[in-house]
Structure formats: C-alpha cells, structure tokens
Amino acid sequence: MEVKEGISMPDVRLVNVTKKFGKIVAVDNVSLHIKDKEYFSILGPSGCGKTTLLRLIAGLIEPDEGEIYIGDRRVNNVPPEDRDVGFVFQTFALFPHMNAWENVTYGPRVKGFGMQKAERIGHEVLEMVRLHERLDAFPSELSGGMMQRVAVARALAAGAKLLLLDEPLGHLDAKVRNELRYEVRRMTKDLELTAIHVTHDQSEAMAISDRIAVMKKGKVLQVGTPQELYMNPQSIFVANFIGGSNFLEGFIAETKGRMSVIELRGGLKVQAVNKGMGKGERVVLAVRPETFTIKRGKDADENALFGVVERFAFEGTNVRYEVRLENQDLVVVVAPSMACEWFNIGERVTLSFQPENAHLFAYPELGLREELAVE
C-alpha cells in the first residue's frame, strides 16, 4: 500500500523519563521499550500520567529528565511534525469546515505530495476504514464512530510511522466502541505500524494489545502481555485493575513446602502458593471472582469458606453474587449463568478455590485501601 512505501517501522524507547507540572510529578522516571510493529497499550486510572506519556512521545511537550528515542533517533527537542507520528485524539479533532475527503488528504497535501499521489492515498485509506462512500460528508454529518475512523484515516494518510491513540474510543457508545477497537488494531497490523494506545478501560486494553503497561501515579507498575498481567500480577493494584479481585487480609500461620497456610480474620484458614514470605508475616490474599466454586450448604472442600448470599445480579453470560463470609468479609463470586445452579439471597453456600489460582502479597506499608486507590 502506498502509505507505507519506503518506511521502516520504529520501535520506541523511553529512558528514565520524568515530567513535572509544578509540584505534580506526572511521569516519574519511566523507562519503556515498545517494539517495532507492536500494538502497545498504556493503561491506568484518570490522572496516572498515561496521556502525558503519550504527549511526550509525540513531542507536544518535552521531558524534564530522560531521553526518548523513535527508532535509533533521539527525539528530545525534535518538533512533532518531524517525528513521523500520527496522533488520534479522543475528541476526533477533525477540521469541521472540511469534508471527510479534505480531512484525510490534508496531511499528504501539506507534506507536498503531488495531487495524484495524495488522491491515491486518500482513496486507499478511506476504503480501508470503510468510509469511501461518505467522502463528501462533513464531520457534523457523521456518527461518532465514523468521525473516529476518519481521524484514524487522516493519521494513516499522512504516512506516519508511529500511531499514537489517546483514549480514541472514549466518546463512543459501547457497541461502536467494541467494534471499532478491533478495526483499529486490524488496520495498524495490516499496515505493520507501531501503535501506542492510551486507555483507562482494562477490557479494551486486554482485547487488543500485544503488551500493556499499567500505570499508577506517574509510575509504570508492570509491563506484560494481557495473559501475563492477568495470570501473574506483580502487585495488589495490578491484581485489582486487571480483571478485579477479592482481597482477604491475614497472616502466614505456617509453611508446608511450596504452600503457605494463611489465617484470615476470624480464624479462617486457607492455603496458597508460598511467595517467599515467612511465618507470622502479614499478607493479603487476592482471589479473582471467577476462580471461586460455589455450592449449596457446607462442604468440606479444599480451601473452603462458608457464607451467606447477600445479593446477586444476572449479567447475561454470568451471574454475580455477593457473599458475606463467616468472618464478615464480603466477597464477589462470578459464575457462568448457563452452567451453574442459581443461589437465592439468604442461602448458605460454600466457596472454594485452588491454591494455585490465588495470589499472595505482602501487606502494603500504607495499608490496603491506599494501595487500591485509583487517584
């Protein structure tokens, strides 16, 4: 395809990058390596620094410390127009006085491409985003999903080596958002681009990313594939932000080989894989809602916890239960709606889980509430 002729696709490296706004440290000593042709997401709650990081890569702002490389080129102090970067904003950012065709061909024309080449690129990218039949439409005449596809097409038509997407689906309704997320990934993969996608939506990041960086308060907590982050979270925050978890407080009562016996509040005891913590150490046990097995009555299963159903909600493919344990902890259980019994409010149940499916963490210095806080 014309828009990628002669382009070598870049990897992106950030080395000890820091950015402050007054006393606020928006990006705190971040180092990252985004690989060539990778679809990479930066995930975190509002205010964690993810958009600031994207703006640093784009050259819209400059770091106070550290270095940024696109390919082998150090781009500190290089203006945005010289970085070969396409930027897709949450708010579409189309020229309202231009129709779709004029918006898309604006980049090639500004870069001095010949008219024939600019038109060829315009037709190709509009066909790619499935909007060729609406090339005469102005932004006000297009739906939100169509406007965002035009915005993506405009970035592609400019011949960008690197596509930066800042919450690109945030203003769209759920159905359009779910469809467009896969379209954007398909287009970037078809063109063999490197893409960096900022979002606060963990399900979006999990669905489309090759790898994800999870951020909190300006720091990158963990980088990995969606499977790695879900199956092996390295912190309480990541265990909660990726997929959600129940957090049960206790201490290590004893160790048995690779297993630890955890005594929870109220004297309840369960087992989990030992993570090198010693007897008597205060810990937090993270158990994902879907890893629980739920049964009626009391059953002497391994890692059995007894409780009473307080609430339930039918969510289509799943049923969500809130169960009050005997020690008064409240846990959430998610069970498939087509493959399970349904349990009524007030019914006594047994919850159990496999030790290998729980994650054991040292109790955080600042407390569990602060560790889980998203702001």
Foldseek 3Di string as FASTA:
>chain_A
DVLQPPDDFWKKWWAQFWADDVPATLAGGDTDIFDQLFAEEEAADPSQNPVVVLCCQQQVDATPDTWMDTHNDTCGVPHNVPQLEQEQEQVLPFDQVAFLLCRQLVLVVVVPHDPVSSVVLSCVLCVLLVNNVRRRHGPVRDDLLVSSSSSLSSSSSNSRQEYEYENNCVPDDDVSSVVVLVSSLVVSNVSSHRYYHYDHDLVSCLVRGQKYFYGASNYTQDIDHLCCLALPPPAPQSVDSRQHWAKFKFFFQAADVQKTWTQTAPRQIAIAGDPPDHGPFIKIKTAHQAQKDKFFDDDPDHQKWKFFWADWDDDPQWIWTWTQTPSRRIGIHIDGPVPDDDDDGGTMMIIHGDNSRMDMGGADPVGDVVRNDRD
